[in-house]
Amino acid sequence: MRSRRMFALLAGGTMATVAAGLYPVTVSAAPPLEDYLHQKPAWKRCYPTAPANFQCAKVKVPLDYRRPDGKKIELAISRIKAQDHGQRHGVLLMNPGGPGGDDDHATPLEWHEQLPKSVRDRFDLVGFDPRGQGKSAPVHCGLAKDEDTGKRPYRPGTFDRDVAWARSVADKCRARQGDKLSHITTRNTARDMDVIRAVLGEKKISYLGVSYGTYLGAVYTQMFPGRADRFVLDSAVDPNRVWRGMETVKSPDYERAFTRWSKWTAQRAALYHLGDTPAKVRKTFWDLVARANRTPIKVDGEMLTGDDLRTSSNMFFIVRKGAERVVQWKKAAKGTTATQAPPASNPTSPTPPSPSADSTTTDSSNDHMPGFWSIVCSDTRTWPRDPEKYRHDAARDKARYPLYGDIAANITPCAFWSKGSEPATTVNNTASALILQNEWDPATTLTSGLGLHRAMKGSRMVKVAGGEGHGVYGGPHQSCANQAATTYLTTGRLPAKDMTCRASNNPPR
């Protein structure tokens, strides 16, 4: 769940209040966090060719907030200062999603020009690599290339190999990272955000979070409600489904998107030649899946199985893209004779490549997924431990939701991961927040956005009817939603009630 748009930052109070929030004990028993809260970051240009106003620094935080005198880790942070000191409101902390990005601290620079000038005038744009990611004590597990992968399609004949993969990843991460893993959690990242807030001398945090960043923002508002200022949560996930439910909730939404896509494509049979009725369009797709599972097809230099085509099914949320992709597959299927099929990657749920001759190579350059698993697996203690539970659920959901059900429900390393340091956060508050949601978001579906809205009772939602794609704010075609977000960030005023905007980039009907 990852996007690259824009975002917001920080909040705080007296020393006793800060310490009590970072570590939930009584004020009189607050642990010695003062050294962390009074740090003076050594700001410098992020790299020699970076703009002079894009500055980076390091901030120390405790690995375990229950033991602040114990091991410390460093967080990479960055900023671009507000352009108009006279209008400056504060800082806007930003998180682009994931989890598991390599360069979240670069977000202020990446999004600087996308944000309206009125926002740039009022906020220092602040980014950071969350703990365990990027340059903030990253998690490396020494995985082989064929292990450094995401979710897998379910097949009865390969399930034992899926279990072996999940166990191997968890065992290698535990051996390499040990006790550190249990502290790479969203709750601790929220505590880190509050240390950053204090270090920057701010009483409150404003925040712009996309995708996973909406969950991080929601957890912060739950843990530090008095320090949350203006929170924009773009393309939201339901915080009360963490984490397995965040994925499995997509399966019925994928089927609805497929139905919509098949109708749209059938209306354009003369253009795409995929069928002149929805039933014929769907048959074209499933025939391709069956054929590619028998004989993988070559697309853009990659060999794709039918399971790979299903894994890419989130493209149906963007109907034109989906039609064009299936046309490409149909052409590629003619005359294909390849026999091996490393799966194509998926933007939100990568699937594993097949073993290759050098798949035993191990070094940290392969470790793209451990940062993701370290959050997803440690955030909650509710992951099933019995592989048979995954087998049952994947088989059931493959029958219910053929496009994605088994991929969402199949086993992951979380089945064997060390338990996190504390339970997941129940989000149920009245904090002010603005939730932005495309109706046809392929990564964080509308169902999830509505779940966040229910959990945050003080929020307002702006739904973009007909809106396609992941990420709303800053997009060129979501002017109504953009205006609502900019007004909220610059004035603090939420819409009086929930809003529905119509996407100006709706596909022709």
Protein backbone atom coordinates (compact mmCIF):
# COMPACT_ATOMS: atom_id res chain seq x y z
CA MET A 1 0.00 0.00 0.00
CA ARG A 2 2.20 2.77 -1.16
CA SER A 3 1.73 6.16 -2.81
CA ARG A 4 3.83 9.25 -3.52
CA ARG A 5 1.82 12.41 -3.03
CA MET A 6 2.12 14.77 0.01
CA PHE A 7 1.76 15.01 3.86
CA ALA A 8 1.71 16.70 7.50
CA LEU A 9 3.42 16.83 11.16
CA LEU A 10 3.70 17.25 15.01
CA ALA A 11 2.38 18.06 18.60
CA GLY A 12 3.31 18.26 22.37
CA GLY A 13 2.97 19.66 25.88
CA THR A 14 4.81 19.71 29.17
CA MET A 15 7.62 17.27 29.83
CA ALA A 16 5.52 15.08 32.10
CA THR A 17 2.68 14.95 29.58
CA VAL A 18 5.06 14.07 26.76
CA ALA A 19 6.70 11.29 28.71
CA ALA A 20 3.38 9.84 29.81
CA GLY A 21 2.14 9.75 26.22
CA LEU A 22 5.26 8.14 24.83
CA TYR A 23 5.12 5.45 27.45
CA PRO A 24 1.64 4.88 28.92
CA VAL A 25 2.28 5.00 32.64
CA THR A 26 1.31 7.52 35.28
CA VAL A 27 3.01 10.92 35.13
CA SER A 28 4.79 10.30 38.43
CA ALA A 29 6.26 7.09 37.02
CA ALA A 30 7.21 8.58 33.65
CA PRO A 31 10.53 7.17 32.45
CA PRO A 32 13.55 9.37 31.69
CA LEU A 33 12.82 10.49 28.14
CA GLU A 34 14.10 14.04 28.61
CA ASP A 35 17.34 13.43 26.73
CA TYR A 36 15.39 12.31 23.69
CA LEU A 37 12.97 15.22 23.79
CA HIS A 38 15.69 17.88 24.08
CA GLN A 39 17.87 16.78 21.17
CA LYS A 40 19.24 19.43 18.82
CA PRO A 41 19.30 18.00 15.29
CA ALA A 42 22.40 18.78 13.24
CA TRP A 43 20.71 19.87 10.02
CA LYS A 44 22.72 19.75 6.80
CA ARG A 45 22.11 19.48 3.07
CA CYS A 46 20.81 15.97 2.44
CA TYR A 47 23.33 15.20 -0.30
CA PRO A 48 25.70 17.31 -2.39
CA THR A 49 23.35 17.75 -5.36
CA ALA A 50 20.21 18.29 -3.25
CA PRO A 51 18.58 21.72 -3.14
CA ALA A 52 20.07 23.78 -0.33
CA ASN A 53 16.71 24.04 1.42
CA PHE A 54 16.29 20.26 1.62
CA GLN A 55 17.95 19.44 4.92
CA CYS A 56 18.50 16.14 6.74
CA ALA A 57 19.38 15.13 10.28
CA LYS A 58 19.28 12.20 12.70
CA VAL A 59 17.18 11.84 15.83
CA LYS A 60 17.75 9.21 18.52
CA VAL A 61 14.84 7.23 19.99
CA PRO A 62 14.71 4.21 22.30
CA LEU A 63 14.27 0.86 20.61
CA ASP A 64 11.97 -0.14 23.48
CA TYR A 65 9.97 2.71 25.01
CA ARG A 66 9.46 0.62 28.13
CA ARG A 67 13.24 0.76 28.63
CA PRO A 68 14.35 4.20 27.44
CA ASP A 69 17.76 3.73 29.07
CA GLY A 70 18.36 0.68 26.88
CA LYS A 71 19.32 0.36 23.24
CA LYS A 72 18.93 3.43 21.05
CA ILE A 73 18.29 3.67 17.33
CA GLU A 74 18.58 6.61 14.95
CA LEU A 75 15.84 7.94 12.70
CA ALA A 76 16.55 9.76 9.45
CA ILE A 77 14.48 12.96 9.22
CA SER A 78 14.31 15.76 6.68
CA ARG A 79 12.66 19.12 6.15
CA ILE A 80 11.97 21.96 3.77
CA LYS A 81 11.10 25.06 5.77
CA ALA A 82 7.92 27.06 5.26
CA GLN A 83 8.29 29.58 2.46
CA ASP A 84 6.50 32.43 4.24
CA HIS A 85 7.64 32.85 7.83
CA GLY A 86 4.88 35.36 8.51
CA GLN A 87 2.17 32.82 7.63
CA ARG A 88 3.91 29.79 9.16
CA HIS A 89 1.50 27.55 11.09
CA GLY A 90 3.84 24.72 12.05
CA VAL A 91 5.19 21.51 10.62
CA LEU A 92 3.55 19.01 8.31
CA LEU A 93 4.87 15.51 8.92
CA MET A 94 4.52 13.25 5.89
CA ASN A 95 4.33 9.52 5.29
CA PRO A 96 3.85 8.13 1.75
CA GLY A 97 2.67 4.67 2.70
CA GLY A 98 4.14 1.22 2.48
CA PRO A 99 5.16 0.10 4.98
CA GLY A 100 8.69 -0.71 4.00
CA GLY A 101 9.94 2.14 1.81
CA ASP A 102 13.62 2.90 1.34
CA ASP A 103 13.40 6.68 1.15
CA ASP A 104 10.37 8.02 3.00
CA HIS A 105 12.57 10.81 4.36
CA ALA A 106 12.78 12.17 0.79
CA THR A 107 9.02 12.78 0.70
CA PRO A 108 9.21 16.58 1.30
CA LEU A 109 11.39 17.00 -1.76
CA GLU A 110 9.36 14.59 -3.90
CA TRP A 111 6.05 16.27 -3.07
CA HIS A 112 7.16 19.85 -2.72
CA GLU A 113 5.94 21.00 -6.11
CA GLN A 114 2.71 18.98 -5.91
CA LEU A 115 1.55 20.76 -2.78
CA PRO A 116 -0.23 24.09 -3.24
CA LYS A 117 1.87 27.17 -2.51
CA SER A 118 -0.55 28.12 0.26
CA VAL A 119 0.38 24.90 2.08
CA ARG A 120 4.11 25.30 1.42
CA ASP A 121 3.92 28.85 2.77
CA ARG A 122 2.44 27.71 6.09
CA PHE A 123 4.25 24.49 6.90
CA ASP A 124 7.71 23.12 7.29
CA LEU A 125 7.46 19.91 5.27
CA VAL A 126 9.00 17.15 7.37
CA GLY A 127 9.74 13.59 6.32
CA PHE A 128 11.24 10.60 8.11
CA ASP A 129 12.13 6.99 7.54
CA PRO A 130 10.05 4.97 10.04
CA ARG A 131 11.99 2.65 12.33
CA GLY A 132 13.15 -0.49 10.57
CA GLN A 133 12.99 1.17 7.13
CA GLY A 134 15.32 3.12 4.85
CA LYS A 135 18.03 4.83 6.88
CA SER A 136 16.33 4.32 10.27
CA ALA A 137 17.82 1.09 11.66
CA PRO A 138 16.65 -0.91 8.63
CA VAL A 139 15.69 -4.56 8.97
CA HIS A 140 17.89 -6.87 6.91
CA CYS A 141 17.43 -10.63 6.97
CA GLY A 142 19.87 -11.94 4.36
CA LEU A 143 17.13 -13.43 2.23
CA ALA A 144 17.70 -15.32 -0.98
CA LYS A 145 16.28 -13.69 -4.09
CA ASP A 146 13.43 -16.18 -4.31
CA GLU A 147 12.53 -15.52 -0.65
CA ASP A 148 12.37 -11.72 -0.85
CA THR A 149 8.79 -11.73 -2.04
CA GLY A 150 5.24 -10.86 -1.05
CA LYS A 151 1.98 -12.78 -1.05
CA ARG A 152 1.59 -16.01 -3.01
CA PRO A 153 -1.36 -17.46 -4.92
CA TYR A 154 -2.71 -20.65 -3.37
CA ARG A 155 -2.52 -24.02 -5.07
CA PRO A 156 -2.92 -27.29 -3.17
CA GLY A 157 0.19 -28.72 -4.82
CA THR A 158 2.45 -25.83 -3.83
CA PHE A 159 1.10 -25.02 -0.37
CA ASP A 160 3.81 -26.99 1.46
CA ARG A 161 6.43 -24.93 -0.37
CA ASP A 162 4.58 -21.76 0.60
CA VAL A 163 4.72 -22.84 4.25
CA ALA A 164 8.44 -23.59 3.97
CA TRP A 165 9.04 -20.14 2.43
CA ALA A 166 7.07 -18.36 5.16
CA ARG A 167 8.93 -20.24 7.90
CA SER A 168 12.34 -19.63 6.32
CA VAL A 169 11.78 -15.86 6.04
CA ALA A 170 10.63 -15.63 9.66
CA ASP A 171 13.53 -17.78 10.90
CA LYS A 172 16.15 -15.80 8.98
CA CYS A 173 14.78 -12.47 10.19
CA ARG A 174 14.71 -13.71 13.78
CA ALA A 175 18.28 -14.98 13.52
CA ARG A 176 19.55 -11.71 12.01
CA GLN A 177 17.50 -9.19 13.96
CA GLY A 178 16.54 -10.96 17.18
CA ASP A 179 14.74 -8.85 19.77
CA LYS A 180 14.66 -5.81 17.49
CA LEU A 181 11.79 -7.24 15.45
CA SER A 182 9.20 -7.08 18.20
CA HIS A 183 9.71 -3.31 18.50
CA ILE A 184 9.26 -2.47 14.80
CA THR A 185 5.60 -1.56 15.16
CA THR A 186 3.20 1.19 14.16
CA ARG A 187 2.65 2.10 17.82
CA ASN A 188 6.37 2.67 18.31
CA THR A 189 6.57 4.64 15.07
CA ALA A 190 3.77 6.86 16.42
CA ARG A 191 5.84 7.36 19.58
CA ASP A 192 8.81 8.23 17.37
CA MET A 193 6.65 10.83 15.63
CA ASP A 194 5.96 12.42 18.99
CA VAL A 195 9.67 12.54 19.82
CA ILE A 196 10.22 14.27 16.46
CA ARG A 197 7.45 16.70 17.39
CA ALA A 198 9.13 17.53 20.68
CA VAL A 199 12.60 17.81 19.12
CA LEU A 200 11.25 20.31 16.59
CA GLY A 201 9.74 22.38 19.39
CA GLU A 202 6.14 21.98 18.26
CA LYS A 203 3.12 21.65 20.53
CA LYS A 204 0.98 19.89 17.96
CA ILE A 205 1.43 17.80 14.88
CA SER A 206 -0.13 18.30 11.47
CA TYR A 207 0.13 15.33 9.20
CA LEU A 208 -0.39 14.12 5.65
CA GLY A 209 -0.44 10.33 5.31
CA VAL A 210 -1.24 8.16 2.30
CA SER A 211 -2.25 4.48 2.32
CA TYR A 212 -0.41 2.80 5.24
CA GLY A 213 0.32 6.36 6.34
CA THR A 214 -3.39 6.75 7.13
CA TYR A 215 -3.15 3.89 9.63
CA LEU A 216 -0.05 5.40 11.19
CA GLY A 217 -1.86 8.74 11.45
CA ALA A 218 -4.94 7.12 12.98
CA VAL A 219 -2.81 5.35 15.60
CA TYR A 220 -1.12 8.64 16.45
CA THR A 221 -4.46 10.36 17.00
CA GLN A 222 -5.51 7.51 19.28
CA MET A 223 -2.32 7.59 21.34
CA PHE A 224 -1.79 11.37 21.37
CA PRO A 225 -5.20 12.97 20.78
CA GLY A 226 -4.22 16.29 22.34
CA ARG A 227 -1.27 16.72 20.03
CA ALA A 228 -3.00 16.02 16.72
CA ASP A 229 -3.67 19.21 14.77
CA ARG A 230 -4.65 19.00 11.07
CA PHE A 231 -4.60 15.42 9.81
CA VAL A 232 -5.21 14.59 6.15
CA LEU A 233 -5.55 10.83 5.62
CA ASP A 234 -5.49 10.01 1.92
CA SER A 235 -6.54 6.60 0.53
CA ALA A 236 -7.39 5.05 3.84
CA VAL A 237 -7.14 1.64 5.43
CA ASP A 238 -9.52 0.37 8.10
CA PRO A 239 -7.48 0.46 11.33
CA ASN A 240 -9.63 -2.13 13.03
CA ARG A 241 -8.81 -4.82 10.46
CA VAL A 242 -5.05 -5.00 11.08
CA TRP A 243 -3.38 -6.69 9.40
CA ARG A 244 -4.72 -9.79 7.74
CA GLY A 245 -8.16 -8.25 7.44
CA MET A 246 -6.70 -5.24 5.63
CA GLU A 247 -5.77 -7.59 2.82
CA THR A 248 -8.71 -10.01 2.79
CA VAL A 249 -11.23 -7.16 2.69
CA LYS A 250 -9.96 -6.36 -0.80
CA SER A 251 -11.17 -9.64 -2.29
CA PRO A 252 -14.89 -8.80 -2.69
CA ASP A 253 -13.97 -5.29 -3.84
CA TYR A 254 -11.77 -6.75 -6.58
CA GLU A 255 -14.73 -8.77 -7.82
CA ARG A 256 -16.92 -5.66 -7.94
CA ALA A 257 -14.22 -3.81 -9.89
CA PHE A 258 -13.96 -6.76 -12.31
CA THR A 259 -17.73 -6.65 -12.91
CA ARG A 260 -17.60 -2.91 -13.58
CA TRP A 261 -14.62 -3.34 -15.89
CA SER A 262 -16.24 -6.13 -17.91
CA LYS A 263 -19.32 -3.97 -18.54
CA TRP A 264 -17.22 -0.97 -19.55
CA THR A 265 -15.02 -3.04 -21.86
CA ALA A 266 -17.97 -4.79 -23.52
CA GLN A 267 -19.37 -1.38 -24.45
CA ARG A 268 -16.12 -0.78 -26.35
CA ALA A 269 -15.91 -4.11 -28.14
CA ALA A 270 -15.02 -2.41 -31.41
CA LEU A 271 -11.97 -0.85 -29.79
CA TYR A 272 -10.65 -3.68 -27.63
CA HIS A 273 -12.06 -6.84 -29.24
CA LEU A 274 -12.37 -8.61 -25.90
CA GLY A 275 -16.07 -9.40 -26.20
CA ASP A 276 -19.33 -7.56 -26.85
CA THR A 277 -21.04 -8.64 -23.64
CA PRO A 278 -19.75 -8.63 -20.05
CA ALA A 279 -19.91 -12.42 -19.97
CA LYS A 280 -17.76 -12.71 -23.10
CA VAL A 281 -15.22 -10.21 -21.72
CA ARG A 282 -14.91 -12.17 -18.50
CA LYS A 283 -14.51 -15.41 -20.46
CA THR A 284 -11.69 -13.84 -22.50
CA PHE A 285 -9.85 -13.00 -19.29
CA TRP A 286 -10.32 -16.40 -17.65
CA ASP A 287 -9.37 -18.21 -20.85
CA LEU A 288 -6.11 -16.23 -20.81
CA VAL A 289 -5.54 -17.20 -17.17
CA ALA A 290 -6.06 -20.88 -17.97
CA ARG A 291 -3.81 -20.71 -21.02
CA ALA A 292 -1.01 -18.90 -19.19
CA ASN A 293 -1.15 -21.43 -16.37
CA ARG A 294 -0.59 -24.18 -18.96
CA THR A 295 2.03 -22.26 -20.97
CA PRO A 296 3.33 -18.97 -19.53
CA ILE A 297 3.22 -15.96 -21.84
CA LYS A 298 6.01 -13.48 -22.43
CA VAL A 299 5.15 -9.84 -21.74
CA ASP A 300 7.78 -7.10 -21.71
CA GLY A 301 10.52 -9.65 -21.25
CA GLU A 302 8.82 -11.43 -18.34
CA MET A 303 7.19 -14.83 -18.38
CA LEU A 304 3.75 -14.66 -16.77
CA THR A 305 1.56 -17.47 -15.48
CA GLY A 306 -2.18 -17.25 -15.14
CA ASP A 307 -1.70 -16.66 -11.42
CA ASP A 308 0.43 -13.64 -12.31
CA LEU A 309 -2.42 -12.28 -14.42
CA ARG A 310 -4.77 -12.65 -11.45
CA THR A 311 -2.26 -10.94 -9.19
CA SER A 312 -2.42 -7.94 -11.49
CA SER A 313 -6.19 -7.78 -11.21
CA ASN A 314 -6.11 -4.49 -9.29
CA MET A 315 -5.69 -2.89 -12.72
CA PHE A 316 -9.42 -3.41 -13.26
CA PHE A 317 -10.12 -0.53 -10.89
CA ILE A 318 -8.76 1.69 -13.68
CA VAL A 319 -10.89 0.43 -16.50
CA ARG A 320 -8.97 1.76 -19.48
CA LYS A 321 -5.67 0.48 -18.11
CA GLY A 322 -7.22 -2.92 -17.49
CA ALA A 323 -8.58 -3.22 -21.01
CA GLU A 324 -5.28 -2.20 -22.56
CA ARG A 325 -3.38 -4.69 -20.41
CA VAL A 326 -5.64 -7.61 -21.32
CA VAL A 327 -5.30 -6.73 -25.00
CA GLN A 328 -1.53 -6.87 -24.53
CA TRP A 329 -1.76 -10.27 -22.86
CA LYS A 330 -4.05 -11.59 -25.58
CA LYS A 331 -1.55 -10.60 -28.27
CA ALA A 332 1.35 -12.06 -26.29
CA ALA A 333 -0.46 -15.37 -25.84
CA LYS A 334 -0.33 -16.08 -29.56
CA GLY A 335 2.56 -18.43 -30.33
CA THR A 336 4.12 -18.38 -26.83
CA THR A 337 6.20 -21.46 -26.00
CA ALA A 338 8.10 -20.43 -22.86
CA THR A 339 8.25 -22.92 -20.01
CA GLN A 340 9.37 -20.91 -16.98
CA ALA A 341 7.40 -18.15 -15.33
CA PRO A 342 8.81 -15.77 -12.77
CA PRO A 343 5.68 -13.85 -11.69
CA ALA A 344 5.28 -10.16 -12.37
CA SER A 345 5.37 -7.85 -9.40
CA ASN A 346 2.19 -6.22 -8.14
CA PRO A 347 2.21 -2.65 -6.78
CA THR A 348 0.45 -3.57 -3.57
CA SER A 349 1.13 -7.27 -3.06
CA PRO A 350 4.26 -8.53 -4.82
CA THR A 351 4.26 -12.21 -5.69
CA PRO A 352 7.33 -14.40 -5.55
CA PRO A 353 9.62 -15.01 -8.49
CA SER A 354 10.42 -18.60 -9.27
CA PRO A 355 13.88 -19.81 -8.17
CA SER A 356 16.65 -19.00 -10.58
CA ALA A 357 20.20 -20.24 -10.88
CA ASP A 358 21.49 -17.57 -8.50
CA SER A 359 18.56 -17.66 -6.05
CA THR A 360 20.85 -18.82 -3.26
CA THR A 361 22.68 -15.51 -3.30
CA THR A 362 22.09 -13.65 -0.05
CA ASP A 363 22.87 -10.04 0.74
CA SER A 364 20.99 -7.04 2.06
CA SER A 365 20.32 -5.76 -1.46
CA ASN A 366 17.68 -8.50 -1.75
CA ASP A 367 15.94 -7.41 1.44
CA HIS A 368 13.07 -5.33 0.11
CA MET A 369 10.25 -7.18 1.87
CA PRO A 370 11.59 -7.58 5.46
CA GLY A 371 10.78 -3.95 6.21
CA PHE A 372 7.20 -4.65 5.17
CA TRP A 373 6.92 -7.92 7.08
CA SER A 374 8.48 -6.40 10.20
CA ILE A 375 5.54 -3.99 10.56
CA VAL A 376 2.76 -6.22 9.26
CA CYS A 377 3.76 -9.19 11.41
CA SER A 378 4.71 -7.35 14.62
CA ASP A 379 1.78 -4.93 14.75
CA THR A 380 -0.72 -7.50 15.99
CA ARG A 381 -0.69 -10.76 17.90
CA THR A 382 -3.70 -12.15 16.07
CA TRP A 383 -1.99 -13.82 13.10
CA PRO A 384 -3.04 -17.50 12.94
CA ARG A 385 -0.19 -19.86 13.84
CA ASP A 386 -1.61 -23.03 12.30
CA PRO A 387 -0.75 -23.39 8.57
CA GLU A 388 -3.94 -25.38 8.08
CA LYS A 389 -5.96 -22.25 8.90
CA TYR A 390 -4.36 -20.52 5.91
CA ARG A 391 -4.89 -23.54 3.68
CA HIS A 392 -8.58 -23.61 4.57
CA ASP A 393 -9.12 -19.87 4.19
CA ALA A 394 -7.21 -19.63 0.91
CA ALA A 395 -9.15 -22.51 -0.65
CA ARG A 396 -12.45 -21.07 0.56
CA ASP A 397 -11.73 -17.54 -0.65
CA LYS A 398 -10.41 -18.73 -3.99
CA ALA A 399 -13.85 -20.23 -4.58
CA ARG A 400 -15.67 -17.14 -3.32
CA TYR A 401 -13.46 -14.51 -4.93
CA PRO A 402 -11.55 -16.09 -7.82
CA LEU A 403 -9.56 -12.98 -8.74
CA TYR A 404 -7.76 -12.34 -5.47
CA GLY A 405 -9.27 -14.31 -2.60
CA ASP A 406 -6.57 -16.96 -2.27
CA ILE A 407 -3.75 -14.45 -2.71
CA ALA A 408 -5.09 -12.37 0.16
CA ALA A 409 -5.71 -15.33 2.47
CA ASN A 410 -2.64 -17.49 1.82
CA ILE A 411 0.13 -18.01 4.37
CA THR A 412 2.81 -15.37 5.00
CA PRO A 413 5.88 -15.15 7.26
CA CYS A 414 3.61 -13.65 9.92
CA ALA A 415 2.45 -17.18 10.78
CA PHE A 416 5.92 -17.82 12.25
CA TRP A 417 7.02 -14.30 13.22
CA SER A 418 7.99 -13.34 16.76
CA LYS A 419 5.11 -11.68 18.56
CA GLY A 420 5.10 -7.91 18.72
CA SER A 421 5.85 -6.05 21.92
CA GLU A 422 2.18 -5.08 22.49
CA PRO A 423 -1.29 -5.60 21.01
CA ALA A 424 -2.53 -3.58 18.04
CA THR A 425 -4.20 -0.24 18.68
CA THR A 426 -7.97 -0.03 18.72
CA VAL A 427 -8.81 3.22 16.95
CA ASN A 428 -12.03 4.74 18.25
CA ASN A 429 -11.76 8.50 18.77
CA THR A 430 -13.18 11.91 17.94
CA ALA A 431 -9.98 13.48 16.62
CA SER A 432 -10.27 15.95 13.76
CA ALA A 433 -9.20 14.48 10.43
CA LEU A 434 -10.04 14.72 6.74
CA ILE A 435 -10.24 11.42 4.87
CA LEU A 436 -9.85 11.46 1.09
CA GLN A 437 -10.95 8.39 -0.87
CA ASN A 438 -11.28 7.47 -4.52
CA GLU A 439 -14.31 5.29 -5.18
CA TRP A 440 -12.20 2.91 -7.29
CA ASP A 441 -8.93 2.75 -5.40
CA PRO A 442 -7.15 -0.53 -6.20
CA ALA A 443 -4.91 -0.65 -3.12
CA THR A 444 -7.00 0.76 -0.28
CA THR A 445 -10.56 0.20 -1.40
CA LEU A 446 -13.59 2.27 -0.53
CA THR A 447 -14.66 -0.33 2.03
CA SER A 448 -11.45 0.34 3.97
CA GLY A 449 -11.84 4.10 3.76
CA LEU A 450 -15.34 3.87 5.19
CA GLY A 451 -13.96 1.73 8.01
CA LEU A 452 -11.48 4.46 9.00
CA HIS A 453 -14.25 7.06 8.83
CA ARG A 454 -16.36 5.01 11.26
CA ALA A 455 -13.45 4.58 13.65
CA MET A 456 -12.59 8.29 13.68
CA LYS A 457 -15.89 9.86 14.63
CA GLY A 458 -14.59 13.41 14.40
CA SER A 459 -13.48 12.94 10.80
CA ARG A 460 -15.02 14.09 7.55
CA MET A 461 -14.77 12.07 4.37
CA VAL A 462 -14.44 13.37 0.83
CA LYS A 463 -15.30 10.57 -1.58
CA VAL A 464 -14.36 11.04 -5.22
CA ALA A 465 -17.20 9.35 -7.09
CA GLY A 466 -15.79 7.59 -10.12
CA GLY A 467 -12.28 8.40 -8.96
CA GLU A 468 -9.73 5.82 -10.08
CA GLY A 469 -6.25 5.18 -8.73
CA HIS A 470 -4.40 5.23 -5.43
CA GLY A 471 -3.91 8.65 -3.91
CA VAL A 472 -6.19 11.68 -4.17
CA TYR A 473 -4.54 14.89 -2.91
CA GLY A 474 -2.42 16.61 -5.51
CA GLY A 475 -3.85 14.61 -8.39
CA PRO A 476 -4.69 16.75 -11.43
CA HIS A 477 -8.30 15.62 -11.71
CA GLN A 478 -9.62 15.78 -8.15
CA SER A 479 -10.14 19.54 -7.81
CA CYS A 480 -13.05 19.33 -5.37
CA ALA A 481 -11.16 17.01 -3.02
CA ASN A 482 -7.94 19.00 -3.44
CA GLN A 483 -9.74 22.18 -2.47
CA ALA A 484 -11.23 20.61 0.66
CA ALA A 485 -7.82 19.33 1.77
CA THR A 486 -6.04 22.61 1.09
CA THR A 487 -8.72 24.59 2.94
CA TYR A 488 -8.42 22.29 5.94
CA LEU A 489 -4.61 22.45 6.03
CA THR A 490 -4.45 26.21 5.65
CA THR A 491 -7.39 27.20 7.89
CA GLY A 492 -8.09 24.21 10.12
CA ARG A 493 -11.72 24.12 8.93
CA LEU A 494 -13.18 20.74 8.08
CA PRO A 495 -16.11 20.54 5.67
CA ALA A 496 -19.40 20.95 7.54
CA LYS A 497 -20.38 17.44 6.45
CA ASP A 498 -19.11 14.56 4.36
CA MET A 499 -18.68 15.43 0.69
CA THR A 500 -18.88 13.62 -2.60
CA CYS A 501 -16.87 15.02 -5.50
CA ARG A 502 -17.09 13.76 -9.03
CA ALA A 503 -13.86 12.85 -10.73
CA SER A 504 -13.22 14.94 -13.80
CA ASN A 505 -11.21 12.09 -15.32
CA ASN A 506 -14.10 9.64 -15.40
CA PRO A 507 -13.80 7.21 -18.30
CA PRO A 508 -16.36 7.80 -21.05
CA ARG A 509 -19.54 5.75 -20.60
